Amino acid sequence: MTKEQQQFFNMLMPFHRFRNHWNQLDTSFDINSFEKDLKLMSSGEQHMAKFFASVWLGESESFPFDVLDALKAIDTKSRNLIIKWIKEPFFP
Protein backbone atom coordinates (compact mmCIF):
# COMPACT_ATOMS: atom_id res chain seq x y z
CA MET A 1 0.00 0.00 0.00
CA THR A 2 1.32 3.42 -0.91
CA LYS A 3 1.62 6.31 1.54
CA GLU A 4 -1.21 8.10 -0.26
CA GLN A 5 -3.48 5.06 -0.08
CA GLN A 6 -2.84 4.81 3.66
CA GLN A 7 -3.63 8.52 4.03
CA PHE A 8 -6.88 7.95 2.17
CA PHE A 9 -7.93 5.04 4.38
CA ASN A 10 -7.04 7.06 7.49
CA MET A 11 -9.20 9.91 6.20
CA LEU A 12 -12.05 7.51 5.36
CA MET A 13 -11.97 5.60 8.68
CA PRO A 14 -14.33 7.86 10.71
CA PHE A 15 -16.91 7.84 7.91
CA HIS A 16 -18.54 4.44 8.44
CA ARG A 17 -21.19 5.06 5.79
CA PHE A 18 -18.65 4.89 2.98
CA ARG A 19 -15.99 2.45 4.19
CA ASN A 20 -17.65 -0.68 2.81
CA HIS A 21 -17.06 0.54 -0.76
CA TRP A 22 -13.29 0.46 -0.37
CA ASN A 23 -11.22 -2.60 0.46
CA GLN A 24 -8.11 -1.68 2.35
CA LEU A 25 -6.51 -5.13 1.95
CA ASP A 26 -6.43 -5.09 -1.83
CA THR A 27 -6.83 -1.28 -2.16
CA SER A 28 -9.87 -1.53 -4.40
CA PHE A 29 -13.00 0.56 -4.88
CA ASP A 30 -16.33 -1.15 -5.61
CA ILE A 31 -17.87 1.38 -7.97
CA ASN A 32 -21.01 -0.69 -8.57
CA SER A 33 -21.98 -0.87 -4.89
CA PHE A 34 -21.01 2.78 -4.49
CA GLU A 35 -23.33 3.89 -7.31
CA LYS A 36 -26.24 1.91 -5.87
CA ASP A 37 -25.68 3.23 -2.35
CA LEU A 38 -25.23 6.82 -3.54
CA LYS A 39 -28.90 6.93 -4.53
CA LEU A 40 -29.92 6.12 -0.95
CA MET A 41 -27.75 8.74 0.79
CA SER A 42 -28.76 12.09 2.21
CA SER A 43 -27.54 15.23 0.47
CA GLY A 44 -24.63 15.69 2.88
CA GLU A 45 -23.65 12.03 2.58
CA GLN A 46 -23.74 12.26 -1.21
CA HIS A 47 -21.36 15.21 -1.16
CA MET A 48 -18.90 13.40 1.09
CA ALA A 49 -19.19 10.17 -0.89
CA LYS A 50 -18.44 12.07 -4.10
CA PHE A 51 -15.51 13.79 -2.39
CA PHE A 52 -13.99 10.45 -1.37
CA ALA A 53 -14.58 8.96 -4.83
CA SER A 54 -13.01 12.00 -6.51
CA VAL A 55 -9.93 11.83 -4.31
CA TRP A 56 -9.59 8.08 -4.88
CA LEU A 57 -10.04 8.32 -8.64
CA GLY A 58 -8.03 11.53 -9.02
CA GLU A 59 -10.85 13.15 -10.99
CA SER A 60 -14.36 14.44 -10.40
CA GLU A 61 -15.99 13.67 -13.74
CA SER A 62 -17.21 10.21 -12.72
CA PHE A 63 -18.85 11.50 -9.54
CA PRO A 64 -19.08 15.29 -9.83
CA PHE A 65 -18.07 17.04 -6.62
CA ASP A 66 -18.70 20.76 -6.11
CA VAL A 67 -16.98 22.12 -3.03
CA LEU A 68 -19.31 25.13 -2.71
CA ASP A 69 -22.44 23.01 -2.81
CA ALA A 70 -20.87 20.56 -0.40
CA LEU A 71 -19.94 23.22 2.15
CA LYS A 72 -23.60 24.27 2.34
CA ALA A 73 -24.81 20.74 3.12
CA ILE A 74 -22.16 19.02 5.25
CA ASP A 75 -21.40 19.08 8.96
CA THR A 76 -18.36 20.63 10.65
CA LYS A 77 -16.42 17.33 10.85
CA SER A 78 -16.80 16.82 7.11
CA ARG A 79 -16.03 20.46 6.31
CA ASN A 80 -12.83 20.31 8.37
CA LEU A 81 -11.73 17.15 6.61
CA ILE A 82 -12.18 18.75 3.18
CA ILE A 83 -10.34 21.89 4.29
CA LYS A 84 -7.45 19.79 5.60
CA TRP A 85 -7.30 17.87 2.32
CA ILE A 86 -7.37 21.10 0.26
CA LYS A 87 -4.42 22.42 2.28
CA GLU A 88 -2.42 19.23 1.62
CA PRO A 89 -3.99 17.33 -1.27
CA PHE A 90 -2.93 13.79 -2.14
CA PHE A 91 -4.21 11.19 -4.57
CA PRO A 92 -3.97 7.45 -3.93
PDB file of N, CA and C in Angstrom:
ATOM      1  N   MET A   1       0.854  -1.181   0.000  1.00  0.00           N
ATOM      2  CA  MET A   1       0.000   0.000   0.000  1.00  0.00           C
ATOM      3  C   MET A   1       0.897   1.241   0.000  1.00  0.00           C
ATOM      4  N   THR A   2       0.542   2.196  -0.840  1.00  0.00           N
ATOM      5  CA  THR A   2       1.324   3.422  -0.910  1.00  0.00           C
ATOM      6  C   THR A   2       1.002   4.336   0.283  1.00  0.00           C
ATOM      7  N   LYS A   3       1.847   5.315   0.486  1.00  0.00           N
ATOM      8  CA  LYS A   3       1.625   6.307   1.539  1.00  0.00           C
ATOM      9  C   LYS A   3       0.295   7.033   1.318  1.00  0.00           C
ATOM     10  N   GLU A   4       0.014   7.374   0.068  1.00  0.00           N
ATOM     11  CA  GLU A   4      -1.212   8.102  -0.263  1.00  0.00           C
ATOM     12  C   GLU A   4      -2.453   7.241  -0.037  1.00  0.00           C
ATOM     13  N   GLN A   5      -2.358   5.963  -0.344  1.00  0.00           N
ATOM     14  CA  GLN A   5      -3.481   5.059  -0.081  1.00  0.00           C
ATOM     15  C   GLN A   5      -3.739   4.955   1.421  1.00  0.00           C
ATOM     16  N   GLN A   6      -2.672   4.867   2.208  1.00  0.00           N
ATOM     17  CA  GLN A   6      -2.836   4.810   3.661  1.00  0.00           C
ATOM     18  C   GLN A   6      -3.457   6.103   4.185  1.00  0.00           C
ATOM     19  N   GLN A   7      -3.029   7.243   3.648  1.00  0.00           N
ATOM     20  CA  GLN A   7      -3.630   8.519   4.031  1.00  0.00           C
ATOM     21  C   GLN A   7      -5.126   8.527   3.721  1.00  0.00           C
ATOM     22  N   PHE A   8      -5.473   7.996   2.561  1.00  0.00           N
ATOM     23  CA  PHE A   8      -6.878   7.955   2.173  1.00  0.00           C
ATOM     24  C   PHE A   8      -7.686   7.113   3.158  1.00  0.00           C
ATOM     25  N   PHE A   9      -7.193   5.917   3.470  1.00  0.00           N
ATOM     26  CA  PHE A   9      -7.932   5.041   4.380  1.00  0.00           C
ATOM     27  C   PHE A   9      -8.006   5.639   5.781  1.00  0.00           C
ATOM     28  N   ASN A  10      -6.988   6.354   6.196  1.00  0.00           N
ATOM     29  CA  ASN A  10      -7.039   7.056   7.487  1.00  0.00           C
ATOM     30  C   ASN A  10      -8.110   8.149   7.464  1.00  0.00           C
ATOM     31  N   MET A  11      -8.211   8.847   6.356  1.00  0.00           N
ATOM     32  CA  MET A  11      -9.202   9.907   6.201  1.00  0.00           C
ATOM     33  C   MET A  11     -10.620   9.317   6.150  1.00  0.00           C
ATOM     34  N   LEU A  12     -10.756   8.166   5.530  1.00  0.00           N
ATOM     35  CA  LEU A  12     -12.053   7.508   5.355  1.00  0.00           C
ATOM     36  C   LEU A  12     -12.553   6.844   6.644  1.00  0.00           C
ATOM     37  N   MET A  13     -11.644   6.423   7.509  1.00  0.00           N
ATOM     38  CA  MET A  13     -11.973   5.596   8.677  1.00  0.00           C
ATOM     39  C   MET A  13     -13.148   6.123   9.516  1.00  0.00           C
ATOM     40  N   PRO A  14     -13.215   7.397   9.873  1.00  0.00           N
ATOM     41  CA  PRO A  14     -14.333   7.861  10.711  1.00  0.00           C
ATOM     42  C   PRO A  14     -15.685   7.904   9.989  1.00  0.00           C
ATOM     43  N   PHE A  15     -15.685   7.724   8.695  1.00  0.00           N
ATOM     44  CA  PHE A  15     -16.911   7.837   7.909  1.00  0.00           C
ATOM     45  C   PHE A  15     -17.433   6.438   7.581  1.00  0.00           C
ATOM     46  N   HIS A  16     -18.081   5.829   8.543  1.00  0.00           N
ATOM     47  CA  HIS A  16     -18.535   4.445   8.443  1.00  0.00           C
ATOM     48  C   HIS A  16     -19.449   4.209   7.240  1.00  0.00           C
ATOM     49  N   ARG A  17     -20.211   5.190   6.874  1.00  0.00           N
ATOM     50  CA  ARG A  17     -21.193   5.060   5.795  1.00  0.00           C
ATOM     51  C   ARG A  17     -20.550   4.678   4.471  1.00  0.00           C
ATOM     52  N   PHE A  18     -19.303   5.066   4.281  1.00  0.00           N
ATOM     53  CA  PHE A  18     -18.649   4.893   2.983  1.00  0.00           C
ATOM     54  C   PHE A  18     -17.602   3.791   2.960  1.00  0.00           C
ATOM     55  N   ARG A  19     -17.137   3.370   4.117  1.00  0.00           N
ATOM     56  CA  ARG A  19     -15.990   2.448   4.189  1.00  0.00           C
ATOM     57  C   ARG A  19     -16.193   1.137   3.453  1.00  0.00           C
ATOM     58  N   ASN A  20     -17.427   0.625   3.420  1.00  0.00           N
ATOM     59  CA  ASN A  20     -17.647  -0.683   2.809  1.00  0.00           C
ATOM     60  C   ASN A  20     -17.453  -0.688   1.289  1.00  0.00           C
ATOM     61  N   HIS A  21     -17.273   0.472   0.692  1.00  0.00           N
ATOM     62  CA  HIS A  21     -17.065   0.536  -0.758  1.00  0.00           C
ATOM     63  C   HIS A  21     -15.585   0.458  -1.134  1.00  0.00           C
ATOM     64  N   TRP A  22     -14.721   0.565  -0.144  1.00  0.00           N
ATOM     65  CA  TRP A  22     -13.288   0.462  -0.370  1.00  0.00           C
ATOM     66  C   TRP A  22     -12.746  -0.726   0.409  1.00  0.00           C
ATOM     67  N   ASN A  23     -11.851  -1.468  -0.197  1.00  0.00           N
ATOM     68  CA  ASN A  23     -11.222  -2.600   0.460  1.00  0.00           C
ATOM     69  C   ASN A  23      -9.765  -2.236   0.726  1.00  0.00           C
ATOM     70  N   GLN A  24      -9.451  -2.104   1.986  1.00  0.00           N
ATOM     71  CA  GLN A  24      -8.107  -1.677   2.351  1.00  0.00           C
ATOM     72  C   GLN A  24      -7.072  -2.771   2.073  1.00  0.00           C
ATOM     73  N   LEU A  25      -7.459  -4.031   2.164  1.00  0.00           N
ATOM     74  CA  LEU A  25      -6.510  -5.128   1.954  1.00  0.00           C
ATOM     75  C   LEU A  25      -5.998  -5.184   0.525  1.00  0.00           C
ATOM     76  N   ASP A  26      -6.890  -5.049  -0.439  1.00  0.00           N
ATOM     77  CA  ASP A  26      -6.430  -5.087  -1.827  1.00  0.00           C
ATOM     78  C   ASP A  26      -6.516  -3.711  -2.504  1.00  0.00           C
ATOM     79  N   THR A  27      -6.751  -2.681  -1.714  1.00  0.00           N
ATOM     80  CA  THR A  27      -6.826  -1.283  -2.161  1.00  0.00           C
ATOM     81  C   THR A  27      -7.711  -1.121  -3.402  1.00  0.00           C
ATOM     82  N   SER A  28      -8.931  -1.628  -3.283  1.00  0.00           N
ATOM     83  CA  SER A  28      -9.868  -1.528  -4.404  1.00  0.00           C
ATOM     84  C   SER A  28     -11.083  -0.690  -4.018  1.00  0.00           C
ATOM     85  N   PHE A  29     -11.796  -0.252  -5.026  1.00  0.00           N
ATOM     86  CA  PHE A  29     -12.996   0.562  -4.881  1.00  0.00           C
ATOM     87  C   PHE A  29     -14.108  -0.121  -5.647  1.00  0.00           C
ATOM     88  N   ASP A  30     -15.192  -0.473  -4.973  1.00  0.00           N
ATOM     89  CA  ASP A  30     -16.328  -1.148  -5.611  1.00  0.00           C
ATOM     90  C   ASP A  30     -17.294  -0.083  -6.136  1.00  0.00           C
ATOM     91  N   ILE A  31     -17.075   0.307  -7.361  1.00  0.00           N
ATOM     92  CA  ILE A  31     -17.867   1.382  -7.967  1.00  0.00           C
ATOM     93  C   ILE A  31     -19.343   0.988  -8.092  1.00  0.00           C
ATOM     94  N   ASN A  32     -19.617  -0.260  -8.400  1.00  0.00           N
ATOM     95  CA  ASN A  32     -21.013  -0.686  -8.567  1.00  0.00           C
ATOM     96  C   ASN A  32     -21.804  -0.536  -7.273  1.00  0.00           C
ATOM     97  N   SER A  33     -21.267  -1.011  -6.164  1.00  0.00           N
ATOM     98  CA  SER A  33     -21.981  -0.871  -4.889  1.00  0.00           C
ATOM     99  C   SER A  33     -22.065   0.596  -4.479  1.00  0.00           C
ATOM    100  N   PHE A  34     -21.029   1.355  -4.804  1.00  0.00           N
ATOM    101  CA  PHE A  34     -21.005   2.782  -4.491  1.00  0.00           C
ATOM    102  C   PHE A  34     -22.136   3.505  -5.225  1.00  0.00           C
ATOM    103  N   GLU A  35     -22.283   3.236  -6.521  1.00  0.00           N
ATOM    104  CA  GLU A  35     -23.325   3.891  -7.308  1.00  0.00           C
ATOM    105  C   GLU A  35     -24.722   3.555  -6.799  1.00  0.00           C
ATOM    106  N   LYS A  36     -24.933   2.313  -6.413  1.00  0.00           N
ATOM    107  CA  LYS A  36     -26.239   1.912  -5.872  1.00  0.00           C
ATOM    108  C   LYS A  36     -26.514   2.606  -4.541  1.00  0.00           C
ATOM    109  N   ASP A  37     -25.520   2.634  -3.673  1.00  0.00           N
ATOM    110  CA  ASP A  37     -25.676   3.229  -2.348  1.00  0.00           C
ATOM    111  C   ASP A  37     -25.833   4.742  -2.427  1.00  0.00           C
ATOM    112  N   LEU A  38     -25.182   5.365  -3.387  1.00  0.00           N
ATOM    113  CA  LEU A  38     -25.226   6.822  -3.545  1.00  0.00           C
ATOM    114  C   LEU A  38     -26.667   7.320  -3.669  1.00  0.00           C
ATOM    115  N   LYS A  39     -27.499   6.553  -4.330  1.00  0.00           N
ATOM    116  CA  LYS A  39     -28.904   6.930  -4.528  1.00  0.00           C
ATOM    117  C   LYS A  39     -29.702   6.941  -3.226  1.00  0.00           C
ATOM    118  N   LEU A  40     -29.213   6.237  -2.217  1.00  0.00           N
ATOM    119  CA  LEU A  40     -29.920   6.118  -0.946  1.00  0.00           C
ATOM    120  C   LEU A  40     -29.420   7.091   0.120  1.00  0.00           C
ATOM    121  N   MET A  41     -28.391   7.852  -0.194  1.00  0.00           N
ATOM    122  CA  MET A  41     -27.754   8.739   0.785  1.00  0.00           C
ATOM    123  C   MET A  41     -28.450  10.090   0.877  1.00  0.00           C
ATOM    124  N   SER A  42     -28.297  10.717   2.036  1.00  0.00           N
ATOM    125  CA  SER A  42     -28.762  12.092   2.210  1.00  0.00           C
ATOM    126  C   SER A  42     -27.885  13.019   1.373  1.00  0.00           C
ATOM    127  N   SER A  43     -28.287  14.255   1.248  1.00  0.00           N
ATOM    128  CA  SER A  43     -27.535  15.235   0.472  1.00  0.00           C
ATOM    129  C   SER A  43     -26.100  15.386   0.991  1.00  0.00           C
ATOM    130  N   GLY A  44     -25.954  15.546   2.289  1.00  0.00           N
ATOM    131  CA  GLY A  44     -24.628  15.690   2.876  1.00  0.00           C
ATOM    132  C   GLY A  44     -23.771  14.451   2.664  1.00  0.00           C
ATOM    133  N   GLU A  45     -24.380  13.276   2.810  1.00  0.00           N
ATOM    134  CA  GLU A  45     -23.650  12.027   2.582  1.00  0.00           C
ATOM    135  C   GLU A  45     -23.226  11.906   1.128  1.00  0.00           C
ATOM    136  N   GLN A  46     -24.097  12.313   0.210  1.00  0.00           N
ATOM    137  CA  GLN A  46     -23.741  12.260  -1.210  1.00  0.00           C
ATOM    138  C   GLN A  46     -22.532  13.134  -1.514  1.00  0.00           C
ATOM    139  N   HIS A  47     -22.514  14.321  -0.934  1.00  0.00           N
ATOM    140  CA  HIS A  47     -21.365  15.212  -1.159  1.00  0.00           C
ATOM    141  C   HIS A  47     -20.073  14.570  -0.662  1.00  0.00           C
ATOM    142  N   MET A  48     -20.111  14.002   0.542  1.00  0.00           N
ATOM    143  CA  MET A  48     -18.900  13.398   1.085  1.00  0.00           C
ATOM    144  C   MET A  48     -18.511  12.145   0.306  1.00  0.00           C
ATOM    145  N   ALA A  49     -19.480  11.360  -0.095  1.00  0.00           N
ATOM    146  CA  ALA A  49     -19.185  10.167  -0.888  1.00  0.00           C
ATOM    147  C   ALA A  49     -18.507  10.559  -2.202  1.00  0.00           C
ATOM    148  N   LYS A  50     -19.031  11.595  -2.849  1.00  0.00           N
ATOM    149  CA  LYS A  50     -18.436  12.066  -4.104  1.00  0.00           C
ATOM    150  C   LYS A  50     -17.043  12.641  -3.873  1.00  0.00           C
ATOM    151  N   PHE A  51     -16.846  13.290  -2.728  1.00  0.00           N
ATOM    152  CA  PHE A  51     -15.510  13.792  -2.388  1.00  0.00           C
ATOM    153  C   PHE A  51     -14.522  12.626  -2.295  1.00  0.00           C
ATOM    154  N   PHE A  52     -14.887  11.593  -1.525  1.00  0.00           N
ATOM    155  CA  PHE A  52     -13.987  10.448  -1.375  1.00  0.00           C
ATOM    156  C   PHE A  52     -13.722   9.767  -2.715  1.00  0.00           C
ATOM    157  N   ALA A  53     -14.758   9.592  -3.520  1.00  0.00           N
ATOM    158  CA  ALA A  53     -14.584   8.962  -4.829  1.00  0.00           C
ATOM    159  C   ALA A  53     -13.670   9.804  -5.720  1.00  0.00           C
ATOM    160  N   SER A  54     -13.840  11.117  -5.683  1.00  0.00           N
ATOM    161  CA  SER A  54     -13.011  12.004  -6.514  1.00  0.00           C
ATOM    162  C   SER A  54     -11.555  11.959  -6.090  1.00  0.00           C
ATOM    163  N   VAL A  55     -11.313  11.936  -4.796  1.00  0.00           N
ATOM    164  CA  VAL A  55      -9.929  11.833  -4.312  1.00  0.00           C
ATOM    165  C   VAL A  55      -9.337  10.498  -4.746  1.00  0.00           C
ATOM    166  N   TRP A  56     -10.084   9.414  -4.542  1.00  0.00           N
ATOM    167  CA  TRP A  56      -9.588   8.080  -4.880  1.00  0.00           C
ATOM    168  C   TRP A  56      -9.283   7.961  -6.379  1.00  0.00           C
ATOM    169  N   LEU A  57     -10.196   8.449  -7.191  1.00  0.00           N
ATOM    170  CA  LEU A  57     -10.043   8.321  -8.641  1.00  0.00           C
ATOM    171  C   LEU A  57      -9.120   9.386  -9.244  1.00  0.00           C
ATOM    172  N   GLY A  58      -8.881  10.454  -8.503  1.00  0.00           N
ATOM    173  CA  GLY A  58      -8.033  11.527  -9.019  1.00  0.00           C
ATOM    174  C   GLY A  58      -8.730  12.394 -10.045  1.00  0.00           C
ATOM    175  N   GLU A  59     -10.056  12.343 -10.062  1.00  0.00           N
ATOM    176  CA  GLU A  59     -10.854  13.155 -10.986  1.00  0.00           C
ATOM    177  C   GLU A  59     -12.276  13.257 -10.437  1.00  0.00           C
ATOM    178  N   SER A  60     -12.997  14.257 -10.902  1.00  0.00           N
ATOM    179  CA  SER A  60     -14.364  14.436 -10.404  1.00  0.00           C
ATOM    180  C   SER A  60     -15.402  14.375 -11.523  1.00  0.00           C
ATOM    181  N   GLU A  61     -15.031  13.822 -12.648  1.00  0.00           N
ATOM    182  CA  GLU A  61     -15.987  13.670 -13.743  1.00  0.00           C
ATOM    183  C   GLU A  61     -16.921  12.489 -13.503  1.00  0.00           C
ATOM    184  N   SER A  62     -16.397  11.409 -12.960  1.00  0.00           N
ATOM    185  CA  SER A  62     -17.210  10.212 -12.725  1.00  0.00           C
ATOM    186  C   SER A  62     -18.296  10.465 -11.685  1.00  0.00           C
ATOM    187  N   PHE A  63     -17.923  11.152 -10.621  1.00  0.00           N
ATOM    188  CA  PHE A  63     -18.848  11.497  -9.539  1.00  0.00           C
ATOM    189  C   PHE A  63     -18.651  12.976  -9.218  1.00  0.00           C
ATOM    190  N   PRO A  64     -19.320  13.854  -9.959  1.00  0.00           N
ATOM    191  CA  PRO A  64     -19.081  15.294  -9.826  1.00  0.00           C
ATOM    192  C   PRO A  64     -19.189  15.794  -8.383  1.00  0.00           C
ATOM    193  N   PHE A  65     -18.134  16.478  -7.963  1.00  0.00           N
ATOM    194  CA  PHE A  65     -18.070  17.036  -6.619  1.00  0.00           C
ATOM    195  C   PHE A  65     -17.878  18.536  -6.739  1.00  0.00           C
ATOM    196  N   ASP A  66     -18.778  19.301  -6.124  1.00  0.00           N
ATOM    197  CA  ASP A  66     -18.703  20.760  -6.111  1.00  0.00           C
ATOM    198  C   ASP A  66     -18.488  21.200  -4.668  1.00  0.00           C
ATOM    199  N   VAL A  67     -17.338  21.766  -4.405  1.00  0.00           N
ATOM    200  CA  VAL A  67     -16.982  22.119  -3.027  1.00  0.00           C
ATOM    201  C   VAL A  67     -17.936  23.159  -2.443  1.00  0.00           C
ATOM    202  N   LEU A  68     -18.393  24.115  -3.235  1.00  0.00           N
ATOM    203  CA  LEU A  68     -19.305  25.131  -2.707  1.00  0.00           C
ATOM    204  C   LEU A  68     -20.649  24.530  -2.318  1.00  0.00           C
ATOM    205  N   ASP A  69     -21.195  23.686  -3.159  1.00  0.00           N
ATOM    206  CA  ASP A  69     -22.442  23.013  -2.814  1.00  0.00           C
ATOM    207  C   ASP A  69     -22.258  22.131  -1.588  1.00  0.00           C
ATOM    208  N   ALA A  70     -21.141  21.448  -1.529  1.00  0.00           N
ATOM    209  CA  ALA A  70     -20.873  20.557  -0.395  1.00  0.00           C
ATOM    210  C   ALA A  70     -20.802  21.329   0.919  1.00  0.00           C
ATOM    211  N   LEU A  71     -20.116  22.458   0.914  1.00  0.00           N
ATOM    212  CA  LEU A  71     -19.943  23.218   2.150  1.00  0.00           C
ATOM    213  C   LEU A  71     -21.269  23.708   2.724  1.00  0.00           C
ATOM    214  N   LYS A  72     -22.268  23.851   1.874  1.00  0.00           N
ATOM    215  CA  LYS A  72     -23.598  24.273   2.340  1.00  0.00           C
ATOM    216  C   LYS A  72     -24.358  23.134   3.014  1.00  0.00           C
ATOM    217  N   ALA A  73     -23.995  21.893   2.702  1.00  0.00           N
ATOM    218  CA  ALA A  73     -24.807  20.744   3.118  1.00  0.00           C
ATOM    219  C   ALA A  73     -24.156  19.838   4.161  1.00  0.00           C
ATOM    220  N   ILE A  74     -22.850  19.976   4.381  1.00  0.00           N
ATOM    221  CA  ILE A  74     -22.160  19.015   5.253  1.00  0.00           C
ATOM    222  C   ILE A  74     -21.926  19.581   6.654  1.00  0.00           C
ATOM    223  N   ASP A  75     -21.639  18.680   7.577  1.00  0.00           N
ATOM    224  CA  ASP A  75     -21.401  19.079   8.964  1.00  0.00           C
ATOM    225  C   ASP A  75     -19.963  19.557   9.154  1.00  0.00           C
ATOM    226  N   THR A  76     -19.675  20.051  10.345  1.00  0.00           N
ATOM    227  CA  THR A  76     -18.362  20.627  10.655  1.00  0.00           C
ATOM    228  C   THR A  76     -17.237  19.609  10.511  1.00  0.00           C
ATOM    229  N   LYS A  77     -17.455  18.379  10.963  1.00  0.00           N
ATOM    230  CA  LYS A  77     -16.425  17.333  10.852  1.00  0.00           C
ATOM    231  C   LYS A  77     -16.055  17.119   9.391  1.00  0.00           C
ATOM    232  N   SER A  78     -17.041  17.030   8.544  1.00  0.00           N
ATOM    233  CA  SER A  78     -16.796  16.816   7.114  1.00  0.00           C
ATOM    234  C   SER A  78     -16.135  18.032   6.482  1.00  0.00           C
ATOM    235  N   ARG A  79     -16.602  19.215   6.841  1.00  0.00           N
ATOM    236  CA  ARG A  79     -16.034  20.457   6.311  1.00  0.00           C
ATOM    237  C   ARG A  79     -14.550  20.554   6.676  1.00  0.00           C
ATOM    238  N   ASN A  80     -14.222  20.241   7.929  1.00  0.00           N
ATOM    239  CA  ASN A  80     -12.828  20.311   8.369  1.00  0.00           C
ATOM    240  C   ASN A  80     -11.949  19.309   7.629  1.00  0.00           C
ATOM    241  N   LEU A  81     -12.495  18.145   7.342  1.00  0.00           N
ATOM    242  CA  LEU A  81     -11.730  17.145   6.605  1.00  0.00           C
ATOM    243  C   LEU A  81     -11.415  17.646   5.195  1.00  0.00           C
ATOM    244  N   ILE A  82     -12.398  18.221   4.538  1.00  0.00           N
ATOM    245  CA  ILE A  82     -12.182  18.746   3.181  1.00  0.00           C
ATOM    246  C   ILE A  82     -11.166  19.888   3.202  1.00  0.00           C
ATOM    247  N   ILE A  83     -11.282  20.773   4.170  1.00  0.00           N
ATOM    248  CA  ILE A  83     -10.337  21.889   4.286  1.00  0.00           C
ATOM    249  C   ILE A  83      -8.920  21.363   4.493  1.00  0.00           C
ATOM    250  N   LYS A  84      -8.783  20.379   5.350  1.00  0.00           N
ATOM    251  CA  LYS A  84      -7.451  19.788   5.604  1.00  0.00           C
ATOM    252  C   LYS A  84      -6.894  19.184   4.316  1.00  0.00           C
ATOM    253  N   TRP A  85      -7.755  18.485   3.565  1.00  0.00           N
ATOM    254  CA  TRP A  85      -7.300  17.874   2.320  1.00  0.00           C
ATOM    255  C   TRP A  85      -6.918  18.941   1.285  1.00  0.00           C
ATOM    256  N   ILE A  86      -7.675  20.023   1.216  1.00  0.00           N
ATOM    257  CA  ILE A  86      -7.365  21.100   0.262  1.00  0.00           C
ATOM    258  C   ILE A  86      -6.004  21.718   0.589  1.00  0.00           C
ATOM    259  N   LYS A  87      -5.706  21.839   1.869  1.00  0.00           N
ATOM    260  CA  LYS A  87      -4.417  22.420   2.279  1.00  0.00           C
ATOM    261  C   LYS A  87      -3.240  21.512   1.894  1.00  0.00           C
ATOM    262  N   GLU A  88      -3.468  20.187   1.956  1.00  0.00           N
ATOM    263  CA  GLU A  88      -2.416  19.227   1.622  1.00  0.00           C
ATOM    264  C   GLU A  88      -3.013  18.087   0.802  1.00  0.00           C
ATOM    265  N   PRO A  89      -3.343  18.346  -0.451  1.00  0.00           N
ATOM    266  CA  PRO A  89      -3.991  17.329  -1.268  1.00  0.00           C
ATOM    267  C   PRO A  89      -3.058  16.139  -1.582  1.00  0.00           C
ATOM    268  N   PHE A  90      -3.647  14.996  -1.721  1.00  0.00           N
ATOM    269  CA  PHE A  90      -2.925  13.785  -2.135  1.00  0.00           C
ATOM    270  C   PHE A  90      -3.913  12.935  -2.937  1.00  0.00           C
ATOM    271  N   PHE A  91      -3.377  12.066  -3.747  1.00  0.00           N
ATOM    272  CA  PHE A  91      -4.205  11.189  -4.574  1.00  0.00           C
ATOM    273  C   PHE A  91      -3.653   9.768  -4.513  1.00  0.00           C
ATOM    274  N   PRO A  92      -4.470   8.847  -4.033  1.00  0.00           N
ATOM    275  CA  PRO A  92      -3.970   7.452  -3.931  1.00  0.00           C
ATOM    276  C   PRO A  92      -3.811   6.804  -5.239  1.00  0.00           C
TER     277      PRO A  92
END
